[in-house]
Amino acid sequence: MVRCRKAFAQSRAQPPSCRTEPSRRRTRRAAQGAKNRRDGYYKMALEHAPEAHMSILLNQAQLLQRSGQPEKALAILEHMPGSLLNSPQVLRNLTALYTEARNWTALVELLPD
């Protein structure tokens, strides 16, 4: 019991940044691993369900946009096949991303003739 109290007292004597840095590193590594797994799951989904291509890519783009990566989300949506680019869901997401990026030229190009 005395050894536990001594260890606890020593751990509290360290500055907070020393105690939390390993925890931050573990959190970053876990997040990176989760992102890699997530990307792998999207690739698997595209391979196993090609008929759901648009839904999978839309979901991936929305997730990237919500996680603060609008450039990657735009890249996914802009490289969709031409027939899918005119769907309302894709146009809605492109509109939001172009507005967020203040890319007015690209936004105007989405308007119908």
PDB file of N, CA and C in Angstrom:
ATOM      1  N   MET A   1       0.821  -1.189   0.000  1.00  0.00           N
ATOM      2  CA  MET A   1       0.000   0.000   0.000  1.00  0.00           C
ATOM      3  C   MET A   1       0.863   1.251   0.000  1.00  0.00           C
ATOM      4  N   VAL A   2       1.950   1.220   0.782  1.00  0.00           N
ATOM      5  CA  VAL A   2       2.845   2.378   0.853  1.00  0.00           C
ATOM      6  C   VAL A   2       3.489   2.608  -0.506  1.00  0.00           C
ATOM      7  N   ARG A   3       3.847   1.507  -1.195  1.00  0.00           N
ATOM      8  CA  ARG A   3       4.476   1.640  -2.502  1.00  0.00           C
ATOM      9  C   ARG A   3       3.507   2.294  -3.493  1.00  0.00           C
ATOM     10  N   CYS A   4       2.243   1.949  -3.417  1.00  0.00           N
ATOM     11  CA  CYS A   4       1.232   2.554  -4.292  1.00  0.00           C
ATOM     12  C   CYS A   4       1.103   4.050  -4.032  1.00  0.00           C
ATOM     13  N   ARG A   5       1.090   4.426  -2.762  1.00  0.00           N
ATOM     14  CA  ARG A   5       0.982   5.850  -2.425  1.00  0.00           C
ATOM     15  C   ARG A   5       2.196   6.613  -2.923  1.00  0.00           C
ATOM     16  N   LYS A   6       3.381   6.011  -2.796  1.00  0.00           N
ATOM     17  CA  LYS A   6       4.608   6.667  -3.239  1.00  0.00           C
ATOM     18  C   LYS A   6       4.590   6.853  -4.763  1.00  0.00           C
ATOM     19  N   ALA A   7       4.189   5.818  -5.481  1.00  0.00           N
ATOM     20  CA  ALA A   7       4.112   5.913  -6.939  1.00  0.00           C
ATOM     21  C   ALA A   7       3.095   6.973  -7.353  1.00  0.00           C
ATOM     22  N   PHE A   8       1.963   7.000  -6.654  1.00  0.00           N
ATOM     23  CA  PHE A   8       0.943   7.998  -6.960  1.00  0.00           C
ATOM     24  C   PHE A   8       1.466   9.406  -6.715  1.00  0.00           C
ATOM     25  N   ALA A   9       2.163   9.594  -5.617  1.00  0.00           N
ATOM     26  CA  ALA A   9       2.715  10.911  -5.289  1.00  0.00           C
ATOM     27  C   ALA A   9       3.746  11.323  -6.320  1.00  0.00           C
ATOM     28  N   GLN A  10       4.563  10.389  -6.778  1.00  0.00           N
ATOM     29  CA  GLN A  10       5.576  10.711  -7.781  1.00  0.00           C
ATOM     30  C   GLN A  10       4.922  11.057  -9.114  1.00  0.00           C
ATOM     31  N   SER A  11       3.880  10.336  -9.474  1.00  0.00           N
ATOM     32  CA  SER A  11       3.229  10.617 -10.753  1.00  0.00           C
ATOM     33  C   SER A  11       2.562  11.985 -10.741  1.00  0.00           C
ATOM     34  N   ARG A  12       2.056  12.395  -9.587  1.00  0.00           N
ATOM     35  CA  ARG A  12       1.417  13.712  -9.488  1.00  0.00           C
ATOM     36  C   ARG A  12       2.450  14.819  -9.461  1.00  0.00           C
ATOM     37  N   ALA A  13       3.711  14.481  -9.108  1.00  0.00           N
ATOM     38  CA  ALA A  13       4.752  15.498  -9.035  1.00  0.00           C
ATOM     39  C   ALA A  13       5.225  15.905 -10.421  1.00  0.00           C
ATOM     40  N   GLN A  14       4.982  15.077 -11.422  1.00  0.00           N
ATOM     41  CA  GLN A  14       5.404  15.407 -12.782  1.00  0.00           C
ATOM     42  C   GLN A  14       4.483  16.475 -13.353  1.00  0.00           C
ATOM     43  N   PRO A  15       5.034  17.323 -14.240  1.00  0.00           N
ATOM     44  CA  PRO A  15       4.160  18.295 -14.899  1.00  0.00           C
ATOM     45  C   PRO A  15       3.096  17.572 -15.719  1.00  0.00           C
ATOM     46  N   PRO A  16       1.925  18.168 -15.873  1.00  0.00           N
ATOM     47  CA  PRO A  16       0.835  17.510 -16.590  1.00  0.00           C
ATOM     48  C   PRO A  16       1.214  17.081 -18.000  1.00  0.00           C
ATOM     49  N   SER A  17       2.036  17.863 -18.701  1.00  0.00           N
ATOM     50  CA  SER A  17       2.372  17.519 -20.081  1.00  0.00           C
ATOM     51  C   SER A  17       3.161  16.219 -20.141  1.00  0.00           C
ATOM     52  N   CYS A  18       3.965  15.922 -19.142  1.00  0.00           N
ATOM     53  CA  CYS A  18       4.731  14.676 -19.119  1.00  0.00           C
ATOM     54  C   CYS A  18       3.802  13.483 -18.952  1.00  0.00           C
ATOM     55  N   ARG A  19       2.765  13.642 -18.165  1.00  0.00           N
ATOM     56  CA  ARG A  19       1.837  12.529 -17.924  1.00  0.00           C
ATOM     57  C   ARG A  19       0.932  12.285 -19.123  1.00  0.00           C
ATOM     58  N   THR A  20       0.554  13.318 -19.843  1.00  0.00           N
ATOM     59  CA  THR A  20      -0.441  13.160 -20.891  1.00  0.00           C
ATOM     60  C   THR A  20       0.166  12.907 -22.268  1.00  0.00           C
ATOM     61  N   GLU A  21       1.434  13.167 -22.470  1.00  0.00           N
ATOM     62  CA  GLU A  21       2.032  12.991 -23.799  1.00  0.00           C
ATOM     63  C   GLU A  21       1.939  11.552 -24.303  1.00  0.00           C
ATOM     64  N   PRO A  22       2.280  10.537 -23.502  1.00  0.00           N
ATOM     65  CA  PRO A  22       2.109   9.171 -24.004  1.00  0.00           C
ATOM     66  C   PRO A  22       0.652   8.863 -24.355  1.00  0.00           C
ATOM     67  N   SER A  23      -0.260   9.412 -23.590  1.00  0.00           N
ATOM     68  CA  SER A  23      -1.675   9.208 -23.867  1.00  0.00           C
ATOM     69  C   SER A  23      -2.060   9.845 -25.200  1.00  0.00           C
ATOM     70  N   ARG A  24      -1.547  11.024 -25.461  1.00  0.00           N
ATOM     71  CA  ARG A  24      -1.835  11.694 -26.744  1.00  0.00           C
ATOM     72  C   ARG A  24      -1.285  10.889 -27.902  1.00  0.00           C
ATOM     73  N   ARG A  25      -0.063  10.359 -27.728  1.00  0.00           N
ATOM     74  CA  ARG A  25       0.532   9.555 -28.790  1.00  0.00           C
ATOM     75  C   ARG A  25      -0.308   8.309 -29.062  1.00  0.00           C
ATOM     76  N   ARG A  26      -0.762   7.663 -28.007  1.00  0.00           N
ATOM     77  CA  ARG A  26      -1.598   6.471 -28.184  1.00  0.00           C
ATOM     78  C   ARG A  26      -2.891   6.828 -28.906  1.00  0.00           C
ATOM     79  N   THR A  27      -3.472   7.958 -28.548  1.00  0.00           N
ATOM     80  CA  THR A  27      -4.716   8.393 -29.177  1.00  0.00           C
ATOM     81  C   THR A  27      -4.506   8.676 -30.657  1.00  0.00           C
ATOM     82  N   ARG A  28      -3.399   9.355 -30.982  1.00  0.00           N
ATOM     83  CA  ARG A  28      -3.101   9.647 -32.396  1.00  0.00           C
ATOM     84  C   ARG A  28      -2.879   8.364 -33.185  1.00  0.00           C
ATOM     85  N   ARG A  29      -2.134   7.423 -32.615  1.00  0.00           N
ATOM     86  CA  ARG A  29      -1.890   6.148 -33.297  1.00  0.00           C
ATOM     87  C   ARG A  29      -3.193   5.394 -33.501  1.00  0.00           C
ATOM     88  N   ALA A  30      -4.048   5.386 -32.505  1.00  0.00           N
ATOM     89  CA  ALA A  30      -5.333   4.698 -32.629  1.00  0.00           C
ATOM     90  C   ALA A  30      -6.193   5.352 -33.702  1.00  0.00           C
ATOM     91  N   ALA A  31      -6.188   6.679 -33.736  1.00  0.00           N
ATOM     92  CA  ALA A  31      -6.972   7.394 -34.748  1.00  0.00           C
ATOM     93  C   ALA A  31      -6.439   7.096 -36.138  1.00  0.00           C
ATOM     94  N   GLN A  32      -5.124   7.058 -36.293  1.00  0.00           N
ATOM     95  CA  GLN A  32      -4.530   6.758 -37.596  1.00  0.00           C
ATOM     96  C   GLN A  32      -4.896   5.341 -38.018  1.00  0.00           C
ATOM     97  N   GLY A  33      -4.830   4.425 -37.072  1.00  0.00           N
ATOM     98  CA  GLY A  33      -5.211   3.050 -37.380  1.00  0.00           C
ATOM     99  C   GLY A  33      -6.668   2.948 -37.779  1.00  0.00           C
ATOM    100  N   ALA A  34      -7.517   3.707 -37.112  1.00  0.00           N
ATOM    101  CA  ALA A  34      -8.944   3.702 -37.444  1.00  0.00           C
ATOM    102  C   ALA A  34      -9.166   4.257 -38.847  1.00  0.00           C
ATOM    103  N   LYS A  35      -8.441   5.303 -39.209  1.00  0.00           N
ATOM    104  CA  LYS A  35      -8.575   5.874 -40.554  1.00  0.00           C
ATOM    105  C   LYS A  35      -8.127   4.875 -41.610  1.00  0.00           C
ATOM    106  N   ASN A  36      -7.019   4.186 -41.347  1.00  0.00           N
ATOM    107  CA  ASN A  36      -6.536   3.195 -42.302  1.00  0.00           C
ATOM    108  C   ASN A  36      -7.537   2.046 -42.454  1.00  0.00           C
ATOM    109  N   ARG A  37      -8.093   1.593 -41.342  1.00  0.00           N
ATOM    110  CA  ARG A  37      -9.095   0.533 -41.405  1.00  0.00           C
ATOM    111  C   ARG A  37     -10.329   1.018 -42.158  1.00  0.00           C
ATOM    112  N   ARG A  38     -10.747   2.257 -41.883  1.00  0.00           N
ATOM    113  CA  ARG A  38     -11.934   2.813 -42.542  1.00  0.00           C
ATOM    114  C   ARG A  38     -11.723   2.853 -44.048  1.00  0.00           C
ATOM    115  N   ASP A  39     -10.553   3.321 -44.487  1.00  0.00           N
ATOM    116  CA  ASP A  39     -10.270   3.388 -45.919  1.00  0.00           C
ATOM    117  C   ASP A  39     -10.269   1.995 -46.542  1.00  0.00           C
ATOM    118  N   GLY A  40      -9.736   1.030 -45.797  1.00  0.00           N
ATOM    119  CA  GLY A  40      -9.745  -0.353 -46.278  1.00  0.00           C
ATOM    120  C   GLY A  40     -11.157  -0.896 -46.422  1.00  0.00           C
ATOM    121  N   TYR A  41     -12.019  -0.535 -45.484  1.00  0.00           N
ATOM    122  CA  TYR A  41     -13.412  -0.986 -45.557  1.00  0.00           C
ATOM    123  C   TYR A  41     -14.120  -0.388 -46.772  1.00  0.00           C
ATOM    124  N   TYR A  42     -13.820   0.867 -47.079  1.00  0.00           N
ATOM    125  CA  TYR A  42     -14.429   1.470 -48.272  1.00  0.00           C
ATOM    126  C   TYR A  42     -13.958   0.757 -49.528  1.00  0.00           C
ATOM    127  N   LYS A  43     -12.677   0.422 -49.609  1.00  0.00           N
ATOM    128  CA  LYS A  43     -12.157  -0.291 -50.778  1.00  0.00           C
ATOM    129  C   LYS A  43     -12.820  -1.662 -50.909  1.00  0.00           C
ATOM    130  N   MET A  44     -12.949  -2.363 -49.787  1.00  0.00           N
ATOM    131  CA  MET A  44     -13.609  -3.669 -49.817  1.00  0.00           C
ATOM    132  C   MET A  44     -15.058  -3.535 -50.263  1.00  0.00           C
ATOM    133  N   ALA A  45     -15.732  -2.530 -49.766  1.00  0.00           N
ATOM    134  CA  ALA A  45     -17.133  -2.332 -50.140  1.00  0.00           C
ATOM    135  C   ALA A  45     -17.261  -2.075 -51.636  1.00  0.00           C
ATOM    136  N   LEU A  46     -16.354  -1.275 -52.192  1.00  0.00           N
ATOM    137  CA  LEU A  46     -16.397  -0.997 -53.630  1.00  0.00           C
ATOM    138  C   LEU A  46     -16.135  -2.263 -54.444  1.00  0.00           C
ATOM    139  N   GLU A  47     -15.251  -3.136 -53.949  1.00  0.00           N
ATOM    140  CA  GLU A  47     -14.955  -4.381 -54.661  1.00  0.00           C
ATOM    141  C   GLU A  47     -16.115  -5.363 -54.600  1.00  0.00           C
ATOM    142  N   HIS A  48     -16.769  -5.448 -53.443  1.00  0.00           N
ATOM    143  CA  HIS A  48     -17.803  -6.455 -53.246  1.00  0.00           C
ATOM    144  C   HIS A  48     -19.202  -5.986 -53.635  1.00  0.00           C
ATOM    145  N   ALA A  49     -19.395  -4.707 -53.768  1.00  0.00           N
ATOM    146  CA  ALA A  49     -20.731  -4.205 -54.127  1.00  0.00           C
ATOM    147  C   ALA A  49     -20.605  -3.088 -55.165  1.00  0.00           C
ATOM    148  N   PRO A  50     -20.171  -3.433 -56.385  1.00  0.00           N
ATOM    149  CA  PRO A  50     -19.997  -2.378 -57.398  1.00  0.00           C
ATOM    150  C   PRO A  50     -21.303  -1.662 -57.748  1.00  0.00           C
ATOM    151  N   GLU A  51     -22.436  -2.316 -57.511  1.00  0.00           N
ATOM    152  CA  GLU A  51     -23.722  -1.664 -57.820  1.00  0.00           C
ATOM    153  C   GLU A  51     -24.029  -0.521 -56.853  1.00  0.00           C
ATOM    154  N   ALA A  52     -23.337  -0.503 -55.718  1.00  0.00           N
ATOM    155  CA  ALA A  52     -23.544   0.555 -54.723  1.00  0.00           C
ATOM    156  C   ALA A  52     -22.436   1.606 -54.794  1.00  0.00           C
ATOM    157  N   HIS A  53     -21.799   1.702 -55.934  1.00  0.00           N
ATOM    158  CA  HIS A  53     -20.655   2.604 -56.120  1.00  0.00           C
ATOM    159  C   HIS A  53     -20.959   4.031 -55.660  1.00  0.00           C
ATOM    160  N   MET A  54     -22.068   4.580 -56.137  1.00  0.00           N
ATOM    161  CA  MET A  54     -22.391   5.966 -55.804  1.00  0.00           C
ATOM    162  C   MET A  54     -22.638   6.129 -54.299  1.00  0.00           C
ATOM    163  N   SER A  55     -23.363   5.224 -53.708  1.00  0.00           N
ATOM    164  CA  SER A  55     -23.667   5.327 -52.277  1.00  0.00           C
ATOM    165  C   SER A  55     -22.401   5.264 -51.433  1.00  0.00           C
ATOM    166  N   ILE A  56     -21.499   4.375 -51.793  1.00  0.00           N
ATOM    167  CA  ILE A  56     -20.260   4.211 -51.032  1.00  0.00           C
ATOM    168  C   ILE A  56     -19.402   5.463 -51.142  1.00  0.00           C
ATOM    169  N   LEU A  57     -19.244   5.973 -52.365  1.00  0.00           N
ATOM    170  CA  LEU A  57     -18.423   7.178 -52.550  1.00  0.00           C
ATOM    171  C   LEU A  57     -19.049   8.397 -51.880  1.00  0.00           C
ATOM    172  N   LEU A  58     -20.362   8.507 -51.948  1.00  0.00           N
ATOM    173  CA  LEU A  58     -21.042   9.618 -51.274  1.00  0.00           C
ATOM    174  C   LEU A  58     -20.834   9.549 -49.766  1.00  0.00           C
ATOM    175  N   ASN A  59     -20.963   8.374 -49.217  1.00  0.00           N
ATOM    176  CA  ASN A  59     -20.764   8.192 -47.788  1.00  0.00           C
ATOM    177  C   ASN A  59     -19.333   8.557 -47.394  1.00  0.00           C
ATOM    178  N   GLN A  60     -18.375   8.112 -48.189  1.00  0.00           N
ATOM    179  CA  GLN A  60     -16.975   8.419 -47.900  1.00  0.00           C
ATOM    180  C   GLN A  60     -16.722   9.925 -47.979  1.00  0.00           C
ATOM    181  N   ALA A  61     -17.267  10.583 -48.990  1.00  0.00           N
ATOM    182  CA  ALA A  61     -17.076  12.029 -49.142  1.00  0.00           C
ATOM    183  C   ALA A  61     -17.708  12.792 -47.974  1.00  0.00           C
ATOM    184  N   GLN A  62     -18.895  12.378 -47.550  1.00  0.00           N
ATOM    185  CA  GLN A  62     -19.552  13.048 -46.431  1.00  0.00           C
ATOM    186  C   GLN A  62     -18.760  12.872 -45.142  1.00  0.00           C
ATOM    187  N   LEU A  63     -18.224  11.687 -44.939  1.00  0.00           N
ATOM    188  CA  LEU A  63     -17.416  11.433 -43.748  1.00  0.00           C
ATOM    189  C   LEU A  63     -16.155  12.288 -43.753  1.00  0.00           C
ATOM    190  N   LEU A  64     -15.516  12.393 -44.915  1.00  0.00           N
ATOM    191  CA  LEU A  64     -14.310  13.228 -45.011  1.00  0.00           C
ATOM    192  C   LEU A  64     -14.645  14.698 -44.767  1.00  0.00           C
ATOM    193  N   GLN A  65     -15.760  15.149 -45.300  1.00  0.00           N
ATOM    194  CA  GLN A  65     -16.157  16.542 -45.091  1.00  0.00           C
ATOM    195  C   GLN A  65     -16.404  16.816 -43.611  1.00  0.00           C
ATOM    196  N   ARG A  66     -17.106  15.914 -42.932  1.00  0.00           N
ATOM    197  CA  ARG A  66     -17.382  16.094 -41.509  1.00  0.00           C
ATOM    198  C   ARG A  66     -16.116  16.018 -40.660  1.00  0.00           C
ATOM    199  N   SER A  67     -15.124  15.266 -41.129  1.00  0.00           N
ATOM    200  CA  SER A  67     -13.894  15.128 -40.343  1.00  0.00           C
ATOM    201  C   SER A  67     -12.865  16.198 -40.697  1.00  0.00           C
ATOM    202  N   GLY A  68     -13.287  17.240 -41.419  1.00  0.00           N
ATOM    203  CA  GLY A  68     -12.397  18.372 -41.691  1.00  0.00           C
ATOM    204  C   GLY A  68     -11.442  18.157 -42.845  1.00  0.00           C
ATOM    205  N   GLN A  69     -11.816  17.326 -43.799  1.00  0.00           N
ATOM    206  CA  GLN A  69     -10.981  17.081 -44.969  1.00  0.00           C
ATOM    207  C   GLN A  69     -11.771  17.355 -46.249  1.00  0.00           C
ATOM    208  N   PRO A  70     -12.207  18.606 -46.440  1.00  0.00           N
ATOM    209  CA  PRO A  70     -13.050  18.896 -47.603  1.00  0.00           C
ATOM    210  C   PRO A  70     -12.335  18.712 -48.935  1.00  0.00           C
ATOM    211  N   GLU A  71     -11.011  18.876 -48.956  1.00  0.00           N
ATOM    212  CA  GLU A  71     -10.273  18.711 -50.216  1.00  0.00           C
ATOM    213  C   GLU A  71     -10.382  17.270 -50.709  1.00  0.00           C
ATOM    214  N   LYS A  72     -10.236  16.323 -49.797  1.00  0.00           N
ATOM    215  CA  LYS A  72     -10.343  14.910 -50.171  1.00  0.00           C
ATOM    216  C   LYS A  72     -11.773  14.573 -50.581  1.00  0.00           C
ATOM    217  N   ALA A  73     -12.736  15.154 -49.888  1.00  0.00           N
ATOM    218  CA  ALA A  73     -14.139  14.917 -50.236  1.00  0.00           C
ATOM    219  C   ALA A  73     -14.423  15.439 -51.641  1.00  0.00           C
ATOM    220  N   LEU A  74     -13.920  16.621 -51.953  1.00  0.00           N
ATOM    221  CA  LEU A  74     -14.098  17.190 -53.297  1.00  0.00           C
ATOM    222  C   LEU A  74     -13.455  16.299 -54.350  1.00  0.00           C
ATOM    223  N   ALA A  75     -12.263  15.806 -54.067  1.00  0.00           N
ATOM    224  CA  ALA A  75     -11.562  14.954 -55.025  1.00  0.00           C
ATOM    225  C   ALA A  75     -12.384  13.712 -55.342  1.00  0.00           C
ATOM    226  N   ILE A  76     -12.993  13.126 -54.328  1.00  0.00           N
ATOM    227  CA  ILE A  76     -13.815  11.934 -54.548  1.00  0.00           C
ATOM    228  C   ILE A  76     -15.026  12.272 -55.416  1.00  0.00           C
ATOM    229  N   LEU A  77     -15.711  13.354 -55.075  1.00  0.00           N
ATOM    230  CA  LEU A  77     -16.924  13.705 -55.820  1.00  0.00           C
ATOM    231  C   LEU A  77     -16.621  14.148 -57.248  1.00  0.00           C
ATOM    232  N   GLU A  78     -15.541  14.888 -57.431  1.00  0.00           N
ATOM    233  CA  GLU A  78     -15.211  15.388 -58.776  1.00  0.00           C
ATOM    234  C   GLU A  78     -14.745  14.282 -59.709  1.00  0.00           C
ATOM    235  N   HIS A  79     -14.275  13.174 -59.172  1.00  0.00           N
ATOM    236  CA  HIS A  79     -13.802  12.070 -60.002  1.00  0.00           C
ATOM    237  C   HIS A  79     -14.832  10.956 -60.155  1.00  0.00           C
ATOM    238  N   MET A  80     -16.079  11.256 -59.821  1.00  0.00           N
ATOM    239  CA  MET A  80     -17.147  10.282 -60.034  1.00  0.00           C
ATOM    240  C   MET A  80     -17.440  10.217 -61.527  1.00  0.00           C
ATOM    241  N   PRO A  81     -17.909   9.070 -61.982  1.00  0.00           N
ATOM    242  CA  PRO A  81     -18.294   8.971 -63.402  1.00  0.00           C
ATOM    243  C   PRO A  81     -19.344  10.018 -63.765  1.00  0.00           C
ATOM    244  N   GLY A  82     -19.319  10.452 -65.004  1.00  0.00           N
ATOM    245  CA  GLY A  82     -20.190  11.531 -65.476  1.00  0.00           C
ATOM    246  C   GLY A  82     -21.659  11.322 -65.200  1.00  0.00           C
ATOM    247  N   SER A  83     -22.128  10.091 -65.343  1.00  0.00           N
ATOM    248  CA  SER A  83     -23.555   9.835 -65.130  1.00  0.00           C
ATOM    249  C   SER A  83     -23.951  10.053 -63.671  1.00  0.00           C
ATOM    250  N   LEU A  84     -23.020   9.831 -62.750  1.00  0.00           N
ATOM    251  CA  LEU A  84     -23.326  10.008 -61.331  1.00  0.00           C
ATOM    252  C   LEU A  84     -23.217  11.465 -60.891  1.00  0.00           C
ATOM    253  N   LEU A  85     -22.454  12.259 -61.639  1.00  0.00           N
ATOM    254  CA  LEU A  85     -22.248  13.663 -61.253  1.00  0.00           C
ATOM    255  C   LEU A  85     -23.540  14.473 -61.269  1.00  0.00           C
ATOM    256  N   ASN A  86     -24.508  14.036 -62.037  1.00  0.00           N
ATOM    257  CA  ASN A  86     -25.759  14.798 -62.150  1.00  0.00           C
ATOM    258  C   ASN A  86     -26.821  14.369 -61.148  1.00  0.00           C
ATOM    259  N   SER A  87     -26.497  13.438 -60.267  1.00  0.00           N
ATOM    260  CA  SER A  87     -27.498  13.011 -59.293  1.00  0.00           C
ATOM    261  C   SER A  87     -27.678  14.103 -58.234  1.00  0.00           C
ATOM    262  N   PRO A  88     -28.881  14.228 -57.699  1.00  0.00           N
ATOM    263  CA  PRO A  88     -29.150  15.288 -56.721  1.00  0.00           C
ATOM    264  C   PRO A  88     -28.261  15.223 -55.482  1.00  0.00           C
ATOM    265  N   GLN A  89     -27.952  14.015 -55.016  1.00  0.00           N
ATOM    266  CA  GLN A  89     -27.118  13.888 -53.813  1.00  0.00           C
ATOM    267  C   GLN A  89     -25.708  14.401 -54.059  1.00  0.00           C
ATOM    268  N   VAL A  90     -25.147  14.042 -55.207  1.00  0.00           N
ATOM    269  CA  VAL A  90     -23.789  14.489 -55.539  1.00  0.00           C
ATOM    270  C   VAL A  90     -23.779  16.002 -55.710  1.00  0.00           C
ATOM    271  N   LEU A  91     -24.767  16.534 -56.408  1.00  0.00           N
ATOM    272  CA  LEU A  91     -24.836  17.985 -56.615  1.00  0.00           C
ATOM    273  C   LEU A  91     -24.997  18.732 -55.295  1.00  0.00           C
ATOM    274  N   ARG A  92     -25.786  18.177 -54.385  1.00  0.00           N
ATOM    275  CA  ARG A  92     -25.974  18.798 -53.077  1.00  0.00           C
ATOM    276  C   ARG A  92     -24.649  18.849 -52.305  1.00  0.00           C
ATOM    277  N   ASN A  93     -23.916  17.748 -52.331  1.00  0.00           N
ATOM    278  CA  ASN A  93     -22.631  17.706 -51.624  1.00  0.00           C
ATOM    279  C   ASN A  93     -21.598  18.618 -52.280  1.00  0.00           C
ATOM    280  N   LEU A  94     -21.569  18.627 -53.603  1.00  0.00           N
ATOM    281  CA  LEU A  94     -20.638  19.520 -54.302  1.00  0.00           C
ATOM    282  C   LEU A  94     -20.961  20.981 -53.993  1.00  0.00           C
ATOM    283  N   THR A  95     -22.239  21.308 -53.961  1.00  0.00           N
ATOM    284  CA  THR A  95     -22.655  22.678 -53.632  1.00  0.00           C
ATOM    285  C   THR A  95     -22.152  23.074 -52.253  1.00  0.00           C
ATOM    286  N   ALA A  96     -22.320  22.204 -51.290  1.00  0.00           N
ATOM    287  CA  ALA A  96     -21.861  22.506 -49.923  1.00  0.00           C
ATOM    288  C   ALA A  96     -20.343  22.669 -49.876  1.00  0.00           C
ATOM    289  N   LEU A  97     -19.629  21.797 -50.559  1.00  0.00           N
ATOM    290  CA  LEU A  97     -18.165  21.865 -50.532  1.00  0.00           C
ATOM    291  C   LEU A  97     -17.637  23.101 -51.261  1.00  0.00           C
ATOM    292  N   TYR A  98     -18.220  23.408 -52.407  1.00  0.00           N
ATOM    293  CA  TYR A  98     -17.787  24.611 -53.142  1.00  0.00           C
ATOM    294  C   TYR A  98     -18.110  25.883 -52.358  1.00  0.00           C
ATOM    295  N   THR A  99     -19.252  25.896 -51.696  1.00  0.00           N
ATOM    296  CA  THR A  99     -19.613  27.053 -50.884  1.00  0.00           C
ATOM    297  C   THR A  99     -18.647  27.206 -49.719  1.00  0.00           C
ATOM    298  N   GLU A 100     -18.321  26.099 -49.066  1.00  0.00           N
ATOM    299  CA  GLU A 100     -17.369  26.135 -47.952  1.00  0.00           C
ATOM    300  C   GLU A 100     -15.997  26.617 -48.406  1.00  0.00           C
ATOM    301  N   ALA A 101     -15.601  26.201 -49.609  1.00  0.00           N
ATOM    302  CA  ALA A 101     -14.289  26.599 -50.144  1.00  0.00           C
ATOM    303  C   ALA A 101     -14.337  27.968 -50.826  1.00  0.00           C
ATOM    304  N   ARG A 102     -15.533  28.542 -50.920  1.00  0.00           N
ATOM    305  CA  ARG A 102     -15.743  29.827 -51.603  1.00  0.00           C
ATOM    306  C   ARG A 102     -15.269  29.787 -53.052  1.00  0.00           C
ATOM    307  N   ASN A 103     -15.502  28.652 -53.693  1.00  0.00           N
ATOM    308  CA  ASN A 103     -15.152  28.456 -55.093  1.00  0.00           C
ATOM    309  C   ASN A 103     -16.397  28.767 -55.925  1.00  0.00           C
ATOM    310  N   TRP A 104     -16.619  30.058 -56.135  1.00  0.00           N
ATOM    311  CA  TRP A 104     -17.858  30.503 -56.771  1.00  0.00           C
ATOM    312  C   TRP A 104     -17.919  30.098 -58.237  1.00  0.00           C
ATOM    313  N   THR A 105     -16.779  30.075 -58.918  1.00  0.00           N
ATOM    314  CA  THR A 105     -16.763  29.687 -60.331  1.00  0.00           C
ATOM    315  C   THR A 105     -17.274  28.263 -60.501  1.00  0.00           C
ATOM    316  N   ALA A 106     -16.748  27.349 -59.691  1.00  0.00           N
ATOM    317  CA  ALA A 106     -17.186  25.951 -59.760  1.00  0.00           C
ATOM    318  C   ALA A 106     -18.659  25.825 -59.360  1.00  0.00           C
ATOM    319  N   LEU A 107     -19.072  26.638 -58.398  1.00  0.00           N
ATOM    320  CA  LEU A 107     -20.464  26.602 -57.956  1.00  0.00           C
ATOM    321  C   LEU A 107     -21.410  27.040 -59.067  1.00  0.00           C
ATOM    322  N   VAL A 108     -21.031  28.080 -59.795  1.00  0.00           N
ATOM    323  CA  VAL A 108     -21.861  28.566 -60.905  1.00  0.00           C
ATOM    324  C   VAL A 108     -21.941  27.510 -62.004  1.00  0.00           C
ATOM    325  N   GLU A 109     -20.874  26.755 -62.217  1.00  0.00           N
ATOM    326  CA  GLU A 109     -20.885  25.710 -63.249  1.00  0.00           C
ATOM    327  C   GLU A 109     -21.858  24.579 -62.930  1.00  0.00           C
ATOM    328  N   LEU A 110     -22.240  24.441 -61.669  1.00  0.00           N
ATOM    329  CA  LEU A 110     -23.216  23.407 -61.297  1.00  0.00           C
ATOM    330  C   LEU A 110     -24.640  23.789 -61.682  1.00  0.00           C
ATOM    331  N   LEU A 111     -24.873  25.076 -61.894  1.00  0.00           N
ATOM    332  CA  LEU A 111     -26.223  25.529 -62.234  1.00  0.00           C
ATOM    333  C   LEU A 111     -26.642  24.985 -63.596  1.00  0.00           C
ATOM    334  N   PRO A 112     -27.913  24.623 -63.731  1.00  0.00           N
ATOM    335  CA  PRO A 112     -28.375  24.143 -65.045  1.00  0.00           C
ATOM    336  C   PRO A 112     -28.375  25.290 -66.046  1.00  0.00           C
ATOM    337  N   ASP A 113     -28.254  24.920 -67.325  1.00  0.00           N
ATOM    338  CA  ASP A 113     -28.216  25.947 -68.396  1.00  0.00           C
ATOM    339  C   ASP A 113     -29.529  26.605 -68.625  1.00  0.00           C
TER     340      ASP A 113
END
